[in-house]
Amino acid sequence: MRYEFVLSTLRRLQAEGSLAPTDTVLAICASELERQVFLEAGLRTTTISNLDDRLGAPDYAPYAWSYQDAQQLSFDIASFDHVFVSDGLHHCDSPHRALLEMFRVARKSVIVFESRDSLLMRIGTRLRMVATYEVEAVVGNGLSHGGVNNTEVPNFVYRWTEREFEKTIASFHPAGPCRFKYFYSMNLPMARVRMSGSRLKLLALRLAMPFAKLVELILPSQGNSFCMVARKPNVEEYWPWLEMSDGKIRFRRSYADRFRAAR
């Protein structure tokens, strides 16, 4: 988790009224770091979840704990105001499925922190400064966890774009227009490069820091980390050809009249 970026983004969402301290939040693929950042952000009603069998039922007080597979959540539709993840989707063998499970369970919005598939990141992977597969995560977990679906197999680092995020959600929930918001950050992979043991790469990364800060200032979307927020539409915001009837979204019969009249 890029702690400072996550915390500052949560506070910005609170400042604009999108996230209230009393809102219920489900955090998937989460751990003690999420507990810390939620406490500092002043969130009161949170459930922290993960499928790591080493965690058992840890003490995340004052928050609740739930053993959950992000790609198959056991909660009902709209069980939480918000569903949150930080650097967890790329550990799933189907990141899109996990995202849509988040959206299904959320009542108001999903808040997703992941890597962005930017031009700068593509250059970084070509130069092998940025990981394509997270071998280091598995090494750091004793060669038994930390990979895809928390196994010992290093996961592919799936990186997102804004357009892909929006199309995925629109396909799943075509009832009305979601409201999307994005936040960007530059976080150089110092820990990964140190683990690689390459002094040359470490030196190159340090020399690149001023350039990276300049890019973050001028072209923030080229950062390697960003937050994607999708806020669900209210019933009143559904497309004009739809209506809510008997608890179900249905085609508005009267809307078809305009097509008949045009014949």
Foldseek 3Di string as FASTA:
>chain_A
DPQVVVLVVLLVCVVVPNDDLAFEEEEEQDDQSVLVSNVVSNRDEYEYEYQPPVCPADDSPPYHYDYADLLDGPAAFQQGQEYEYAAPLQLEPHSLSSVVSRNRNHDWKYKYKAFAPAPLVVVCVVVVQDDQWPQVQCVVVVLAARDRSGGSGTTGRDHHDPVVVLVSVCVVDVFADWDKDKDADADGPQVVVVVVVDPVSNVVSVVCVVVSVVCCVPPRSNHGMMMMMTTDDDQVRTDPQWHADPNDIDGDPVVCVVVVVVD
